[in-house]
Amino acid sequence: MDDEYFDALAKVRMERAAELLDDAKDMLSKGSYKSANNRYCRKIIERNHIRKEKEMTKNYRAELTGVFGDPVDENPTGVVEEAAFQAKNLNYRYLTIKVLPDDLEAAMASVRVLGMKGINLTMPHKVKVLPYLDELSEAAGIIGAVNTVIHRDGKLYGENTDGKGFVTALKNTGTTLIDKRVTVLGAGGAARAIAVECALNGAKHINIINRNEERGRELAALLNEKTKCPADFLVWEKGIRIPEDTEILINGTSAGFSPNVTEKPDIAYDSVTEKMCVCDVVFNPAETVFLSEVAKRGAKTVSGLGMLVQQAALNFTLWTGVEAPVEVMEEALRKEF
């Protein structure tokens, strides 16, 4: 709720309390009650005050958030956000809504009409939503895609929390991006967002490894043009060796995601060393075959679960202005898998 609402509510409470106090003083000053009755009178006034206060604070309208996508039925974000709302005692709801591509414009108009606090966007809307937004964050503008919209003062602000969630999860493990050499496997939506955020958070150099040469070169060119971090593209050939100077290796592909849990990126695993921190965006399962393989080489591993939780936590704070209960959110997500 807005600060103006709370200020007005506080003023009404103070005025009502003053009225009740004046009534009590008036009754007691008349001497029409004996001592026992005076105590009874005070209790009655106190109960009336509490009842009036409860009546003034009743609110049957929940603040709305949610996600637009197609398909969207298996998106678990609602479970995580709802757990956080409950933990913080917030009257918010998260709606999982199927929105077809042709209906996106009308759906975004509904965000304004319904006064929603914000919305998440998943495939196929992350790029197509851009014309319906008033402003973009720096990262979202560079990435060219939005997964989170914040509705504030009648305007729709676009943000991309995919990469930010990754950066926060990585930092929480004690690994920094500053002056690090990074190699990213893939150049799709998740890989693109992560690569941009790595560049914006101090990475020294980024390699993009991708099978589709056009898309891979485009991402490397984007980093070179829009950020201060130099980037190179490497064609993903069968059993490609990871550059030996890599300090952070990131799987930005869907290889290994349920139900294809036995899959793993096609790289030379003997080129992974104990000096590397290896991350996976796949969160289901949390412990992928990819991470198991690199762990055998002594590499530090970071699962995709932390990225997803931190992404959801950032969404929560952007919409509510309240610090997210990260542990509650992570527990809720783990229960889903």
Protein backbone atom coordinates (compact mmCIF):
# COMPACT_ATOMS: atom_id res chain seq x y z
CA MET A 1 0.00 0.00 0.00
CA ASP A 2 1.08 3.61 -0.58
CA ASP A 3 2.58 5.72 2.20
CA GLU A 4 -0.34 8.15 1.83
CA TYR A 5 -2.75 5.39 2.84
CA PHE A 6 -0.87 4.60 6.04
CA ASP A 7 -0.54 8.30 6.92
CA ALA A 8 -4.29 8.80 6.50
CA LEU A 9 -5.08 5.66 8.51
CA ALA A 10 -2.83 6.78 11.35
CA LYS A 11 -4.52 10.18 11.41
CA VAL A 12 -7.98 8.62 11.61
CA ARG A 13 -6.87 6.32 14.45
CA MET A 14 -5.44 9.22 16.44
CA GLU A 15 -8.58 11.32 15.97
CA ARG A 16 -10.82 8.40 17.03
CA ALA A 17 -8.65 7.66 20.07
CA ALA A 18 -8.85 11.31 21.12
CA GLU A 19 -12.65 11.24 20.85
CA LEU A 20 -12.90 8.11 22.99
CA LEU A 21 -10.54 9.59 25.58
CA ASP A 22 -12.64 12.76 25.78
CA ASP A 23 -15.78 10.66 26.26
CA ALA A 24 -14.10 8.74 29.09
CA LYS A 25 -12.95 11.91 30.82
CA ASP A 26 -16.42 13.38 30.52
CA MET A 27 -18.12 10.34 32.07
CA LEU A 28 -15.58 10.04 34.85
CA SER A 29 -15.66 13.75 35.70
CA LYS A 30 -19.41 13.66 36.26
CA GLY A 31 -18.93 11.23 39.15
CA SER A 32 -21.84 9.16 37.92
CA TYR A 33 -19.86 5.96 38.31
CA LYS A 34 -18.37 4.43 41.39
CA SER A 35 -14.86 3.01 41.36
CA ALA A 36 -15.88 -0.42 40.12
CA ASN A 37 -18.09 1.06 37.44
CA ASN A 38 -15.28 3.42 36.40
CA ARG A 39 -13.07 0.42 35.65
CA TYR A 40 -15.92 -1.16 33.71
CA CYS A 41 -16.39 2.06 31.78
CA ARG A 42 -12.73 2.10 30.80
CA LYS A 43 -12.93 -1.50 29.55
CA ILE A 44 -15.99 -0.70 27.44
CA ILE A 45 -14.27 2.30 25.87
CA GLU A 46 -11.12 0.28 25.24
CA ARG A 47 -13.08 -2.54 23.55
CA ASN A 48 -14.93 -0.03 21.39
CA HIS A 49 -11.64 1.50 20.34
CA ILE A 50 -10.20 -1.90 19.38
CA ARG A 51 -13.36 -2.81 17.45
CA LYS A 52 -13.35 0.48 15.56
CA GLU A 53 -9.68 0.04 14.75
CA LYS A 54 -10.28 -3.44 13.33
CA GLU A 55 -13.16 -2.14 11.23
CA MET A 56 -10.95 0.59 9.80
CA THR A 57 -8.15 -1.86 8.86
CA LYS A 58 -10.28 -4.52 7.18
CA ASN A 59 -9.34 -4.89 3.51
CA TYR A 60 -10.84 -7.55 1.30
CA ARG A 61 -8.97 -6.44 -1.84
CA ALA A 62 -5.66 -8.17 -2.45
CA GLU A 63 -2.81 -6.62 -4.39
CA LEU A 64 -2.28 -8.61 -7.58
CA THR A 65 0.88 -9.93 -9.23
CA GLY A 66 1.39 -12.89 -11.54
CA VAL A 67 2.86 -14.28 -14.73
CA PHE A 68 1.76 -14.17 -18.39
CA GLY A 69 2.91 -16.98 -20.66
CA ASP A 70 2.02 -19.78 -23.07
CA PRO A 71 2.62 -22.48 -21.98
CA VAL A 72 2.57 -21.56 -18.32
CA ASP A 73 0.85 -24.42 -16.48
CA GLU A 74 4.08 -25.87 -15.07
CA ASN A 75 5.59 -22.56 -13.93
CA PRO A 76 6.33 -22.90 -10.16
CA THR A 77 6.91 -19.21 -9.43
CA GLY A 78 3.47 -18.72 -7.92
CA VAL A 79 4.18 -21.22 -5.14
CA VAL A 80 7.39 -19.38 -4.23
CA GLU A 81 5.89 -15.88 -4.28
CA GLU A 82 2.76 -16.92 -2.37
CA ALA A 83 4.92 -18.45 0.36
CA ALA A 84 6.80 -15.18 0.64
CA PHE A 85 3.61 -13.09 0.79
CA GLN A 86 2.30 -15.28 3.59
CA ALA A 87 5.60 -15.17 5.49
CA LYS A 88 5.56 -11.37 5.41
CA ASN A 89 1.82 -11.18 6.17
CA LEU A 90 1.10 -9.28 2.95
CA ASN A 91 -2.32 -9.30 1.31
CA TYR A 92 -0.91 -10.08 -2.14
CA ARG A 93 -1.77 -12.79 -4.67
CA TYR A 94 0.22 -14.31 -7.54
CA LEU A 95 -1.83 -15.43 -10.55
CA THR A 96 -0.54 -17.88 -13.15
CA ILE A 97 -2.27 -16.77 -16.36
CA LYS A 98 -2.18 -18.26 -19.84
CA VAL A 99 -1.90 -15.44 -22.37
CA LEU A 100 -1.79 -16.23 -26.08
CA PRO A 101 0.56 -14.16 -28.27
CA ASP A 102 -2.30 -12.30 -29.96
CA ASP A 103 -3.72 -11.30 -26.58
CA LEU A 104 -0.56 -9.80 -25.07
CA GLU A 105 -1.51 -6.17 -25.75
CA ALA A 106 -4.87 -6.61 -24.02
CA ALA A 107 -3.22 -8.48 -21.16
CA MET A 108 -0.72 -5.66 -20.56
CA ALA A 109 -3.56 -3.14 -20.63
CA SER A 110 -5.23 -5.19 -17.89
CA VAL A 111 -2.20 -4.67 -15.65
CA ARG A 112 -3.06 -0.97 -15.60
CA VAL A 113 -6.84 -1.44 -15.46
CA LEU A 114 -6.70 -3.90 -12.54
CA GLY A 115 -4.06 -1.89 -10.71
CA MET A 116 -1.73 -4.88 -10.55
CA LYS A 117 1.57 -4.31 -8.75
CA GLY A 118 3.43 -6.10 -11.51
CA ILE A 119 3.74 -9.16 -13.68
CA ASN A 120 6.30 -11.74 -14.77
CA LEU A 121 6.65 -12.65 -18.42
CA THR A 122 7.76 -15.99 -19.78
CA MET A 123 7.88 -17.40 -23.29
CA PRO A 124 6.83 -16.19 -25.81
CA HIS A 125 6.33 -12.67 -24.42
CA LYS A 126 9.73 -11.49 -23.14
CA VAL A 127 10.59 -9.57 -26.31
CA LYS A 128 7.12 -8.84 -27.69
CA VAL A 129 6.16 -6.99 -24.50
CA LEU A 130 8.67 -4.17 -25.09
CA PRO A 131 6.31 -1.85 -27.08
CA TYR A 132 3.82 -1.84 -24.20
CA LEU A 133 6.28 -0.59 -21.56
CA ASP A 134 7.11 2.99 -20.55
CA GLU A 135 10.71 2.47 -19.41
CA LEU A 136 13.42 -0.21 -19.35
CA SER A 137 16.28 -0.83 -16.93
CA GLU A 138 19.81 -0.64 -18.32
CA ALA A 139 20.17 -4.42 -18.39
CA ALA A 140 16.75 -5.01 -19.96
CA GLY A 141 17.54 -2.44 -22.64
CA ILE A 142 20.81 -4.17 -23.55
CA ILE A 143 19.38 -7.69 -23.36
CA GLY A 144 16.34 -6.67 -25.39
CA ALA A 145 14.01 -8.77 -23.26
CA VAL A 146 11.95 -8.33 -20.09
CA ASN A 147 10.80 -10.94 -17.61
CA THR A 148 9.49 -8.61 -14.90
CA VAL A 149 7.22 -5.57 -15.08
CA ILE A 150 6.68 -3.15 -12.20
CA HIS A 151 3.52 -1.02 -12.21
CA ARG A 152 4.17 2.23 -10.37
CA ASP A 153 2.40 5.61 -10.58
CA GLY A 154 0.56 4.57 -13.72
CA LYS A 155 3.74 3.56 -15.58
CA LEU A 156 5.03 0.14 -16.54
CA TYR A 157 8.75 -0.40 -15.94
CA GLY A 158 10.54 -3.33 -17.58
CA GLU A 159 13.31 -5.26 -15.83
CA ASN A 160 15.18 -8.49 -16.52
CA THR A 161 15.90 -10.36 -13.29
CA ASP A 162 17.22 -13.57 -14.90
CA GLY A 163 20.83 -12.40 -14.93
CA LYS A 164 20.52 -10.47 -11.68
CA GLY A 165 19.30 -13.60 -9.92
CA PHE A 166 22.34 -15.47 -11.21
CA VAL A 167 24.77 -12.77 -10.07
CA THR A 168 23.27 -12.66 -6.56
CA ALA A 169 23.30 -16.45 -6.22
CA LEU A 170 26.93 -16.53 -7.34
CA LYS A 171 27.95 -13.82 -4.87
CA ASN A 172 26.21 -15.73 -2.08
CA THR A 173 28.62 -18.62 -2.65
CA GLY A 174 31.57 -16.29 -2.12
CA THR A 175 32.51 -15.93 -5.79
CA THR A 176 32.84 -12.48 -7.35
CA LEU A 177 32.71 -11.57 -11.04
CA ILE A 178 35.13 -8.69 -10.74
CA ASP A 179 38.12 -9.19 -13.07
CA LYS A 180 37.08 -12.78 -13.79
CA ARG A 181 37.28 -14.57 -17.14
CA VAL A 182 33.89 -16.10 -17.91
CA THR A 183 32.80 -18.71 -20.43
CA VAL A 184 29.09 -19.06 -21.23
CA LEU A 185 27.63 -22.12 -22.95
CA GLY A 186 24.69 -21.04 -25.10
CA ALA A 187 23.31 -17.78 -26.44
CA GLY A 188 19.57 -18.14 -25.81
CA GLY A 189 17.43 -16.06 -23.46
CA ALA A 190 18.94 -17.17 -20.13
CA ALA A 191 22.52 -17.18 -21.45
CA ARG A 192 22.04 -13.74 -22.97
CA ALA A 193 20.72 -12.23 -19.71
CA ILE A 194 23.49 -13.83 -17.66
CA ALA A 195 26.24 -12.74 -20.05
CA VAL A 196 25.04 -9.12 -19.97
CA GLU A 197 24.86 -9.07 -16.17
CA CYS A 198 28.33 -10.63 -15.91
CA ALA A 199 29.64 -7.84 -18.13
CA LEU A 200 27.87 -5.15 -16.11
CA ASN A 201 29.18 -6.62 -12.84
CA GLY A 202 32.87 -6.41 -13.59
CA ALA A 203 33.83 -9.49 -15.63
CA LYS A 204 37.21 -9.07 -17.34
CA HIS A 205 36.42 -11.12 -20.45
CA ILE A 206 33.58 -13.32 -21.70
CA ASN A 207 33.63 -16.23 -24.16
CA ILE A 208 30.36 -17.17 -25.83
CA ILE A 209 30.20 -20.80 -27.01
CA ASN A 210 27.19 -21.59 -29.19
CA ARG A 211 26.19 -23.94 -32.01
CA ASN A 212 24.20 -21.31 -33.90
CA GLU A 213 27.00 -19.10 -35.18
CA GLU A 214 24.81 -16.13 -36.06
CA ARG A 215 23.23 -15.93 -32.62
CA GLY A 216 26.53 -16.49 -30.84
CA ARG A 217 28.35 -13.78 -32.80
CA GLU A 218 25.45 -11.40 -32.25
CA LEU A 219 25.66 -11.82 -28.46
CA ALA A 220 29.44 -11.34 -28.43
CA ALA A 221 29.05 -8.22 -30.58
CA LEU A 222 26.36 -6.91 -28.24
CA LEU A 223 28.66 -7.23 -25.23
CA ASN A 224 31.50 -5.50 -27.07
CA GLU A 225 29.26 -2.66 -28.19
CA LYS A 226 27.05 -2.06 -25.16
CA THR A 227 29.35 -2.91 -22.23
CA LYS A 228 32.96 -2.34 -21.20
CA CYS A 229 33.68 -6.07 -21.13
CA PRO A 230 35.42 -7.57 -24.20
CA ALA A 231 33.85 -10.75 -25.58
CA ASP A 232 34.72 -13.44 -28.13
CA PHE A 233 32.64 -16.05 -29.90
CA LEU A 234 33.69 -19.70 -30.19
CA VAL A 235 31.85 -22.17 -32.43
CA TRP A 236 30.48 -25.07 -30.37
CA GLU A 237 32.04 -28.09 -31.98
CA LYS A 238 31.62 -31.63 -30.66
CA GLY A 239 33.54 -32.10 -27.43
CA ILE A 240 34.80 -28.51 -27.37
CA ARG A 241 37.52 -27.78 -24.84
CA ILE A 242 36.86 -25.03 -22.32
CA PRO A 243 39.45 -22.22 -22.58
CA GLU A 244 42.09 -22.95 -19.94
CA ASP A 245 42.03 -19.40 -18.55
CA THR A 246 38.30 -19.70 -17.71
CA GLU A 247 37.57 -18.92 -14.06
CA ILE A 248 33.76 -19.10 -14.18
CA LEU A 249 32.00 -21.57 -16.51
CA ILE A 250 28.23 -21.25 -16.98
CA ASN A 251 25.86 -23.68 -18.64
CA GLY A 252 23.19 -21.37 -20.07
CA THR A 253 21.43 -24.15 -22.01
CA SER A 254 18.54 -26.42 -21.03
CA ALA A 255 20.64 -29.60 -21.27
CA GLY A 256 19.77 -31.81 -18.30
CA PHE A 257 16.44 -30.19 -17.50
CA SER A 258 13.67 -32.59 -16.41
CA PRO A 259 12.57 -34.94 -17.90
CA ASN A 260 15.85 -35.15 -19.87
CA VAL A 261 17.90 -35.52 -16.69
CA THR A 262 20.64 -37.70 -18.24
CA GLU A 263 21.65 -35.06 -20.78
CA LYS A 264 24.68 -32.82 -20.33
CA PRO A 265 26.46 -30.18 -22.43
CA ASP A 266 28.79 -31.69 -25.03
CA ILE A 267 32.18 -30.44 -23.83
CA ALA A 268 35.55 -32.01 -23.04
CA TYR A 269 35.12 -32.51 -19.29
CA ASP A 270 38.82 -33.13 -18.80
CA SER A 271 39.34 -29.46 -19.73
CA VAL A 272 37.48 -28.42 -16.56
CA THR A 273 39.87 -27.80 -13.65
CA GLU A 274 39.70 -27.33 -9.90
CA LYS A 275 40.42 -23.63 -10.42
CA MET A 276 37.02 -23.11 -12.04
CA CYS A 277 33.66 -22.22 -10.53
CA VAL A 278 31.03 -24.01 -12.63
CA CYS A 279 27.38 -22.91 -12.68
CA ASP A 280 24.22 -24.41 -14.16
CA VAL A 281 20.97 -22.56 -14.92
CA VAL A 282 19.02 -25.84 -14.76
CA PHE A 283 17.10 -26.02 -11.47
CA ASN A 284 15.13 -29.22 -11.93
CA PRO A 285 16.93 -31.33 -10.86
CA ALA A 286 19.11 -29.10 -8.70
CA GLU A 287 22.05 -31.51 -8.96
CA THR A 288 22.52 -32.13 -12.68
CA VAL A 289 24.74 -34.64 -14.45
CA PHE A 290 26.73 -31.64 -15.69
CA LEU A 291 27.50 -30.47 -12.17
CA SER A 292 28.31 -34.02 -11.05
CA GLU A 293 30.81 -34.41 -13.88
CA VAL A 294 32.65 -31.14 -13.22
CA ALA A 295 32.69 -31.83 -9.48
CA LYS A 296 34.71 -34.97 -10.22
CA ARG A 297 37.36 -32.64 -11.64
CA GLY A 298 37.46 -30.67 -8.39
CA ALA A 299 35.52 -27.66 -9.65
CA LYS A 300 33.32 -25.62 -7.33
CA THR A 301 29.66 -25.97 -8.37
CA VAL A 302 26.62 -23.66 -8.20
CA SER A 303 23.16 -25.03 -9.03
CA GLY A 304 20.35 -23.24 -10.85
CA LEU A 305 18.08 -23.40 -7.81
CA GLY A 306 19.77 -20.42 -6.18
CA MET A 307 19.42 -18.37 -9.34
CA LEU A 308 15.69 -19.04 -9.55
CA VAL A 309 15.13 -18.23 -5.87
CA GLN A 310 17.11 -14.99 -6.06
CA GLN A 311 15.22 -14.00 -9.20
CA ALA A 312 11.90 -14.56 -7.42
CA ALA A 313 13.19 -12.68 -4.36
CA LEU A 314 14.09 -9.67 -6.48
CA ASN A 315 10.63 -9.72 -8.10
CA PHE A 316 9.07 -9.81 -4.63
CA THR A 317 10.98 -6.74 -3.46
CA LEU A 318 10.38 -4.79 -6.68
CA TRP A 319 6.63 -5.30 -6.27
CA THR A 320 6.22 -4.94 -2.51
CA GLY A 321 9.11 -2.77 -1.38
CA VAL A 322 9.74 -5.37 1.35
CA GLU A 323 12.87 -7.46 1.85
CA ALA A 324 12.22 -10.96 0.57
CA PRO A 325 12.22 -13.99 2.94
CA VAL A 326 14.74 -15.89 0.81
CA GLU A 327 14.96 -18.98 3.04
CA VAL A 328 11.17 -19.40 2.99
CA MET A 329 11.15 -19.06 -0.79
CA GLU A 330 13.93 -21.60 -1.27
CA GLU A 331 12.18 -24.11 0.99
CA ALA A 332 8.94 -23.68 -0.95
CA LEU A 333 10.75 -24.26 -4.25
CA ARG A 334 12.58 -27.36 -3.03
CA LYS A 335 9.27 -28.91 -1.98
CA GLU A 336 8.10 -28.67 -5.61
CA PHE A 337 10.94 -30.84 -6.83
